Amino acid sequence: MMSDYKVEMINDGMQEFYVQFHGPNDIIDFTFDCCFGLVFDPYQYFCIMELPFPIVFLSVGWLLAGPYHGGVWKVRVELPDAYPYKSPSIGFVNKIYHPNVDEMSGSVCLDVINQTWSPMFDLVNVFEVFLPQLLLYPNPSDPLNGEAAALMMRDRSAYEIRVKEYCEKYAKPEDIGEVTEEKSSDEEMSEDESDSSDEQVVGKADP
């Protein structure tokens, strides 16, 4: 199901893993197949127009190069026990500047994942449809990053410049491994500090 993506398991389990996610491509092509003069959209599976004559296909392509193009992110996925009846937990590990992504935790604000999830969806929908659409069409009216939302509404050009700066600084292929190593070392340090503090409490003599 996720064979087209680089997946890294966490703790040898099947419910927590990282997925390498690339920003939207420059060009999206749509091919409309025709049957008896009816043109169907293969992405939505419904008739979009009726023609007075039969055609073989109609191919349309246009540029959708957004400011996130070229970025590479490690996305943490946690599957609940009730998956696919309950939505997965999705979060960006390396930093991304986006109105609907918390800059510190990487949490994603996306209705289709958080509120309107359906068991008909799967992880392919998440990485091929939902997340690319989130990057192409941010929603500043429902932000997790208030600064990014305000900048986007105030000055779209400045917002896109900031996004590209973040992509250049935090979202290169070589940044993926570094983020995981940094987080692992931080967790080890916090555990060591906790152990040392416990030892001090135990070793302290009663007055």
C-alpha atoms as a PDB file:
ATOM      1  CA  MET A   1       0.000   0.000   0.000  1.00  0.00           C
ATOM      2  CA  MET A   2       2.837   2.407   0.888  1.00  0.00           C
ATOM      3  CA  SER A   3       5.431   0.781  -1.382  1.00  0.00           C
ATOM      4  CA  ASP A   4       6.053   4.058  -3.233  1.00  0.00           C
ATOM      5  CA  TYR A   5       7.169   5.787  -0.023  1.00  0.00           C
ATOM      6  CA  LYS A   6      10.215   5.446   2.164  1.00  0.00           C
ATOM      7  CA  VAL A   7       8.915   4.109   5.478  1.00  0.00           C
ATOM      8  CA  GLU A   8      10.882   3.769   8.716  1.00  0.00           C
ATOM      9  CA  MET A   9       9.313   1.719  11.507  1.00  0.00           C
ATOM     10  CA  ILE A  10       9.432   2.901  15.132  1.00  0.00           C
ATOM     11  CA  ASN A  11      10.257   0.427  17.922  1.00  0.00           C
ATOM     12  CA  ASP A  12       9.768  -2.537  15.561  1.00  0.00           C
ATOM     13  CA  GLY A  13       5.995  -2.050  15.761  1.00  0.00           C
ATOM     14  CA  MET A  14       3.417  -1.842  13.024  1.00  0.00           C
ATOM     15  CA  GLN A  15       1.395   1.075  14.401  1.00  0.00           C
ATOM     16  CA  GLU A  16       4.054   3.800  14.581  1.00  0.00           C
ATOM     17  CA  PHE A  17       6.354   4.762  11.727  1.00  0.00           C
ATOM     18  CA  TYR A  18       7.888   7.625   9.752  1.00  0.00           C
ATOM     19  CA  VAL A  19       7.040   8.343   6.121  1.00  0.00           C
ATOM     20  CA  GLN A  20       9.218  10.497   3.856  1.00  0.00           C
ATOM     21  CA  PHE A  21       6.893  13.038   2.246  1.00  0.00           C
ATOM     22  CA  HIS A  22       7.794  15.307  -0.680  1.00  0.00           C
ATOM     23  CA  GLY A  23       6.156  18.640  -1.420  1.00  0.00           C
ATOM     24  CA  PRO A  24       3.739  18.992  -4.364  1.00  0.00           C
ATOM     25  CA  ASN A  25       5.125  18.545  -7.869  1.00  0.00           C
ATOM     26  CA  ASP A  26       5.379  21.316 -10.446  1.00  0.00           C
ATOM     27  CA  ILE A  27       2.831  19.866 -12.867  1.00  0.00           C
ATOM     28  CA  ILE A  28      -0.337  17.892 -12.266  1.00  0.00           C
ATOM     29  CA  ASP A  29      -1.834  16.167 -15.307  1.00  0.00           C
ATOM     30  CA  PHE A  30      -5.441  15.045 -15.592  1.00  0.00           C
ATOM     31  CA  THR A  31      -6.531  12.592 -18.281  1.00  0.00           C
ATOM     32  CA  PHE A  32     -10.247  12.296 -18.962  1.00  0.00           C
ATOM     33  CA  ASP A  33     -11.353   9.041 -20.572  1.00  0.00           C
ATOM     34  CA  CYS A  34     -14.406   9.011 -22.799  1.00  0.00           C
ATOM     35  CA  CYS A  35     -17.106   6.402 -23.250  1.00  0.00           C
ATOM     36  CA  PHE A  36     -20.013   7.053 -25.590  1.00  0.00           C
ATOM     37  CA  GLY A  37     -19.488  10.799 -25.428  1.00  0.00           C
ATOM     38  CA  LEU A  38     -19.382  10.986 -21.608  1.00  0.00           C
ATOM     39  CA  VAL A  39     -16.192  12.379 -20.068  1.00  0.00           C
ATOM     40  CA  PHE A  40     -15.273  11.003 -16.663  1.00  0.00           C
ATOM     41  CA  ASP A  41     -12.850  12.362 -14.079  1.00  0.00           C
ATOM     42  CA  PRO A  42     -10.769   9.381 -12.852  1.00  0.00           C
ATOM     43  CA  TYR A  43      -9.956  11.190  -9.580  1.00  0.00           C
ATOM     44  CA  GLN A  44     -13.609  11.727  -8.620  1.00  0.00           C
ATOM     45  CA  TYR A  45     -15.364   8.942 -10.536  1.00  0.00           C
ATOM     46  CA  PHE A  46     -18.261  10.976 -11.835  1.00  0.00           C
ATOM     47  CA  CYS A  47     -19.321  12.435 -15.173  1.00  0.00           C
ATOM     48  CA  ILE A  48     -18.132  16.023 -15.580  1.00  0.00           C
ATOM     49  CA  MET A  49     -19.452  16.786 -19.079  1.00  0.00           C
ATOM     50  CA  GLU A  50     -21.406  15.306 -21.954  1.00  0.00           C
ATOM     51  CA  LEU A  51     -20.160  15.715 -25.511  1.00  0.00           C
ATOM     52  CA  PRO A  52     -22.190  15.444 -28.721  1.00  0.00           C
ATOM     53  CA  PHE A  53     -19.476  13.233 -30.229  1.00  0.00           C
ATOM     54  CA  PRO A  54     -17.170  10.512 -28.904  1.00  0.00           C
ATOM     55  CA  ILE A  55     -13.523  11.282 -28.137  1.00  0.00           C
ATOM     56  CA  VAL A  56     -10.649   9.120 -26.965  1.00  0.00           C
ATOM     57  CA  PHE A  57      -9.294  11.335 -24.180  1.00  0.00           C
ATOM     58  CA  LEU A  58      -8.673  14.903 -23.186  1.00  0.00           C
ATOM     59  CA  SER A  59      -5.475  15.652 -21.309  1.00  0.00           C
ATOM     60  CA  VAL A  60      -5.051  18.860 -19.333  1.00  0.00           C
ATOM     61  CA  GLY A  61      -2.011  19.980 -17.370  1.00  0.00           C
ATOM     62  CA  TRP A  62      -1.122  23.124 -15.486  1.00  0.00           C
ATOM     63  CA  LEU A  63       1.533  24.424 -13.152  1.00  0.00           C
ATOM     64  CA  LEU A  64       0.919  24.123  -9.426  1.00  0.00           C
ATOM     65  CA  ALA A  65       4.398  24.992  -8.214  1.00  0.00           C
ATOM     66  CA  GLY A  66       3.826  26.302  -4.709  1.00  0.00           C
ATOM     67  CA  PRO A  67       6.391  27.534  -2.197  1.00  0.00           C
ATOM     68  CA  TYR A  68       6.635  24.042  -0.616  1.00  0.00           C
ATOM     69  CA  HIS A  69       7.855  22.473  -3.863  1.00  0.00           C
ATOM     70  CA  GLY A  70      11.165  20.677  -3.384  1.00  0.00           C
ATOM     71  CA  GLY A  71      10.748  20.245   0.371  1.00  0.00           C
ATOM     72  CA  VAL A  72      11.136  16.839   1.995  1.00  0.00           C
ATOM     73  CA  TRP A  73       9.573  16.103   5.370  1.00  0.00           C
ATOM     74  CA  LYS A  74       9.608  13.174   7.726  1.00  0.00           C
ATOM     75  CA  VAL A  75       6.023  12.613   8.839  1.00  0.00           C
ATOM     76  CA  ARG A  76       5.257  10.564  11.934  1.00  0.00           C
ATOM     77  CA  VAL A  77       2.240   8.296  11.632  1.00  0.00           C
ATOM     78  CA  GLU A  78       0.504   6.600  14.558  1.00  0.00           C
ATOM     79  CA  LEU A  79      -2.299   4.162  13.816  1.00  0.00           C
ATOM     80  CA  PRO A  80      -4.899   3.701  16.567  1.00  0.00           C
ATOM     81  CA  ASP A  81      -6.175   0.236  17.409  1.00  0.00           C
ATOM     82  CA  ALA A  82      -9.482   1.089  15.696  1.00  0.00           C
ATOM     83  CA  TYR A  83      -7.860   2.116  12.390  1.00  0.00           C
ATOM     84  CA  PRO A  84      -9.274   2.531   9.712  1.00  0.00           C
ATOM     85  CA  TYR A  85     -12.472   3.342  11.610  1.00  0.00           C
ATOM     86  CA  LYS A  86     -10.521   5.914  13.594  1.00  0.00           C
ATOM     87  CA  SER A  87      -8.181   8.384  11.903  1.00  0.00           C
ATOM     88  CA  PRO A  88      -4.380   8.119  12.134  1.00  0.00           C
ATOM     89  CA  SER A  89      -2.319  10.671  14.024  1.00  0.00           C
ATOM     90  CA  ILE A  90      -0.167  12.690  11.614  1.00  0.00           C
ATOM     91  CA  GLY A  91       2.672  15.060  12.501  1.00  0.00           C
ATOM     92  CA  PHE A  92       5.639  16.701  10.767  1.00  0.00           C
ATOM     93  CA  VAL A  93       8.980  15.895  12.396  1.00  0.00           C
ATOM     94  CA  ASN A  94      11.221  18.488  10.733  1.00  0.00           C
ATOM     95  CA  LYS A  95      10.018  22.076  10.757  1.00  0.00           C
ATOM     96  CA  ILE A  96       7.528  23.469   8.259  1.00  0.00           C
ATOM     97  CA  TYR A  97       6.138  27.008   8.102  1.00  0.00           C
ATOM     98  CA  HIS A  98       2.401  26.576   7.525  1.00  0.00           C
ATOM     99  CA  PRO A  99      -0.732  28.143   9.039  1.00  0.00           C
ATOM    100  CA  ASN A 100      -2.267  24.727   9.766  1.00  0.00           C
ATOM    101  CA  VAL A 101       0.798  23.018  11.232  1.00  0.00           C
ATOM    102  CA  ASP A 102       2.046  23.685  14.761  1.00  0.00           C
ATOM    103  CA  GLU A 103       5.667  24.759  14.363  1.00  0.00           C
ATOM    104  CA  MET A 104       6.852  23.194  17.621  1.00  0.00           C
ATOM    105  CA  SER A 105       4.953  19.883  17.765  1.00  0.00           C
ATOM    106  CA  GLY A 106       4.320  19.349  14.046  1.00  0.00           C
ATOM    107  CA  SER A 107       0.636  18.614  14.674  1.00  0.00           C
ATOM    108  CA  VAL A 108      -1.628  19.035  11.648  1.00  0.00           C
ATOM    109  CA  CYS A 109      -4.989  20.811  11.596  1.00  0.00           C
ATOM    110  CA  LEU A 110      -6.905  19.123   8.786  1.00  0.00           C
ATOM    111  CA  ASP A 111     -10.641  18.449   8.988  1.00  0.00           C
ATOM    112  CA  VAL A 112     -10.570  15.319   6.840  1.00  0.00           C
ATOM    113  CA  ILE A 113      -8.167  13.713   9.328  1.00  0.00           C
ATOM    114  CA  ASN A 114      -9.336  15.242  12.596  1.00  0.00           C
ATOM    115  CA  GLN A 115     -13.114  15.422  12.119  1.00  0.00           C
ATOM    116  CA  THR A 116     -14.531  13.956   8.898  1.00  0.00           C
ATOM    117  CA  TRP A 117     -12.393  10.832   8.584  1.00  0.00           C
ATOM    118  CA  SER A 118     -14.032   7.824   6.915  1.00  0.00           C
ATOM    119  CA  PRO A 119     -12.969   4.145   6.973  1.00  0.00           C
ATOM    120  CA  MET A 120     -12.981   4.362   3.166  1.00  0.00           C
ATOM    121  CA  PHE A 121      -9.818   6.495   3.418  1.00  0.00           C
ATOM    122  CA  ASP A 122      -6.348   5.052   3.867  1.00  0.00           C
ATOM    123  CA  LEU A 123      -2.761   6.279   4.173  1.00  0.00           C
ATOM    124  CA  VAL A 124      -2.404   6.580   0.407  1.00  0.00           C
ATOM    125  CA  ASN A 125      -5.185   9.194   0.506  1.00  0.00           C
ATOM    126  CA  VAL A 126      -3.330  10.999   3.293  1.00  0.00           C
ATOM    127  CA  PHE A 127      -0.012  11.246   1.438  1.00  0.00           C
ATOM    128  CA  GLU A 128      -1.240  11.585  -2.133  1.00  0.00           C
ATOM    129  CA  VAL A 129      -4.285  13.804  -1.632  1.00  0.00           C
ATOM    130  CA  PHE A 130      -4.819  15.300   1.824  1.00  0.00           C
ATOM    131  CA  LEU A 131      -1.307  16.515   2.681  1.00  0.00           C
ATOM    132  CA  PRO A 132      -0.513  17.821  -0.843  1.00  0.00           C
ATOM    133  CA  GLN A 133      -3.786  19.763  -0.798  1.00  0.00           C
ATOM    134  CA  LEU A 134      -2.930  21.113   2.643  1.00  0.00           C
ATOM    135  CA  LEU A 135       0.339  22.517   1.282  1.00  0.00           C
ATOM    136  CA  LEU A 136      -1.251  23.870  -1.885  1.00  0.00           C
ATOM    137  CA  TYR A 137      -4.268  25.447  -0.171  1.00  0.00           C
ATOM    138  CA  PRO A 138      -3.480  26.603   3.394  1.00  0.00           C
ATOM    139  CA  ASN A 139      -6.418  27.741   5.520  1.00  0.00           C
ATOM    140  CA  PRO A 140      -5.356  30.809   7.532  1.00  0.00           C
ATOM    141  CA  SER A 141      -8.827  31.131   9.103  1.00  0.00           C
ATOM    142  CA  ASP A 142      -8.259  28.002  11.242  1.00  0.00           C
ATOM    143  CA  PRO A 143      -4.586  28.236  12.213  1.00  0.00           C
ATOM    144  CA  LEU A 144      -2.253  26.307  14.475  1.00  0.00           C
ATOM    145  CA  ASN A 145       0.527  28.732  13.588  1.00  0.00           C
ATOM    146  CA  GLY A 146      -0.964  32.179  14.134  1.00  0.00           C
ATOM    147  CA  GLU A 147       2.133  34.006  12.905  1.00  0.00           C
ATOM    148  CA  ALA A 148       2.119  32.157   9.573  1.00  0.00           C
ATOM    149  CA  ALA A 149      -1.625  32.709   9.150  1.00  0.00           C
ATOM    150  CA  ALA A 150      -1.354  36.437   9.854  1.00  0.00           C
ATOM    151  CA  LEU A 151       1.591  36.841   7.471  1.00  0.00           C
ATOM    152  CA  MET A 152      -0.197  34.915   4.730  1.00  0.00           C
ATOM    153  CA  MET A 153      -3.284  37.129   4.990  1.00  0.00           C
ATOM    154  CA  ARG A 154      -1.250  40.328   5.264  1.00  0.00           C
ATOM    155  CA  ASP A 155       1.468  39.745   2.667  1.00  0.00           C
ATOM    156  CA  ARG A 156       1.301  36.599   0.548  1.00  0.00           C
ATOM    157  CA  SER A 157       4.655  37.263  -1.118  1.00  0.00           C
ATOM    158  CA  ALA A 158       6.451  37.628   2.215  1.00  0.00           C
ATOM    159  CA  TYR A 159       4.716  34.466   3.444  1.00  0.00           C
ATOM    160  CA  GLU A 160       5.955  32.452   0.459  1.00  0.00           C
ATOM    161  CA  ILE A 161       9.480  33.779   0.958  1.00  0.00           C
ATOM    162  CA  ARG A 162       9.383  32.607   4.594  1.00  0.00           C
ATOM    163  CA  VAL A 163       8.079  29.199   3.517  1.00  0.00           C
ATOM    164  CA  LYS A 164      10.943  28.797   1.047  1.00  0.00           C
ATOM    165  CA  GLU A 165      13.441  29.830   3.717  1.00  0.00           C
ATOM    166  CA  TYR A 166      12.133  27.082   5.998  1.00  0.00           C
ATOM    167  CA  CYS A 167      12.262  24.556   3.154  1.00  0.00           C
ATOM    168  CA  GLU A 168      15.843  25.515   2.424  1.00  0.00           C
ATOM    169  CA  LYS A 169      16.866  25.344   6.087  1.00  0.00           C
ATOM    170  CA  TYR A 170      14.865  22.411   7.444  1.00  0.00           C
ATOM    171  CA  ALA A 171      13.372  20.378   4.564  1.00  0.00           C
ATOM    172  CA  LYS A 172      16.239  19.017   2.497  1.00  0.00           C
ATOM    173  CA  PRO A 173      16.776  15.260   2.104  1.00  0.00           C
ATOM    174  CA  GLU A 174      19.883  15.422   4.283  1.00  0.00           C
ATOM    175  CA  ASP A 175      17.862  17.064   7.086  1.00  0.00           C
ATOM    176  CA  ILE A 176      15.614  14.020   7.564  1.00  0.00           C
ATOM    177  CA  GLY A 177      18.137  11.885   9.433  1.00  0.00           C
ATOM    178  CA  GLU A 178      19.507  14.789  11.456  1.00  0.00           C
ATOM    179  CA  VAL A 179      16.089  15.593  12.938  1.00  0.00           C
ATOM    180  CA  THR A 180      15.572  12.050  14.183  1.00  0.00           C
ATOM    181  CA  GLU A 181      19.057  11.906  15.705  1.00  0.00           C
ATOM    182  CA  GLU A 182      18.540  15.231  17.481  1.00  0.00           C
ATOM    183  CA  LYS A 183      15.214  14.137  18.951  1.00  0.00           C
ATOM    184  CA  SER A 184      16.676  10.812  20.086  1.00  0.00           C
ATOM    185  CA  SER A 185      19.592  12.542  21.834  1.00  0.00           C
ATOM    186  CA  ASP A 186      17.200  15.010  23.500  1.00  0.00           C
ATOM    187  CA  GLU A 187      15.087  12.131  24.818  1.00  0.00           C
ATOM    188  CA  GLU A 188      18.184  10.370  26.158  1.00  0.00           C
ATOM    189  CA  MET A 189      19.335  13.563  27.882  1.00  0.00           C
ATOM    190  CA  SER A 190      15.940  14.081  29.504  1.00  0.00           C
ATOM    191  CA  GLU A 191      15.957  10.465  30.735  1.00  0.00           C
ATOM    192  CA  ASP A 192      19.468  10.878  32.167  1.00  0.00           C
ATOM    193  CA  GLU A 193      18.450  14.106  33.924  1.00  0.00           C
ATOM    194  CA  SER A 194      15.392  12.398  35.359  1.00  0.00           C
ATOM    195  CA  ASP A 195      17.466   9.466  36.635  1.00  0.00           C
ATOM    196  CA  SER A 196      20.059  11.766  38.227  1.00  0.00           C
ATOM    197  CA  SER A 197      17.381  13.821  39.961  1.00  0.00           C
ATOM    198  CA  ASP A 198      15.783  10.653  41.314  1.00  0.00           C
ATOM    199  CA  GLU A 199      19.153   9.523  42.676  1.00  0.00           C
ATOM    200  CA  GLN A 200      19.635  12.867  44.429  1.00  0.00           C
ATOM    201  CA  VAL A 201      16.233  12.609  46.070  1.00  0.00           C
ATOM    202  CA  VAL A 202      16.881   9.048  47.215  1.00  0.00           C
ATOM    203  CA  GLY A 203      20.351   9.842  48.512  1.00  0.00           C
ATOM    204  CA  LYS A 204      19.319  12.950  50.456  1.00  0.00           C
ATOM    205  CA  ALA A 205      19.519  12.390  54.202  1.00  0.00           C
ATOM    206  CA  ASP A 206      16.536  13.162  56.404  1.00  0.00           C
ATOM    207  CA  PRO A 207      16.984  16.288  58.601  1.00  0.00           C
END
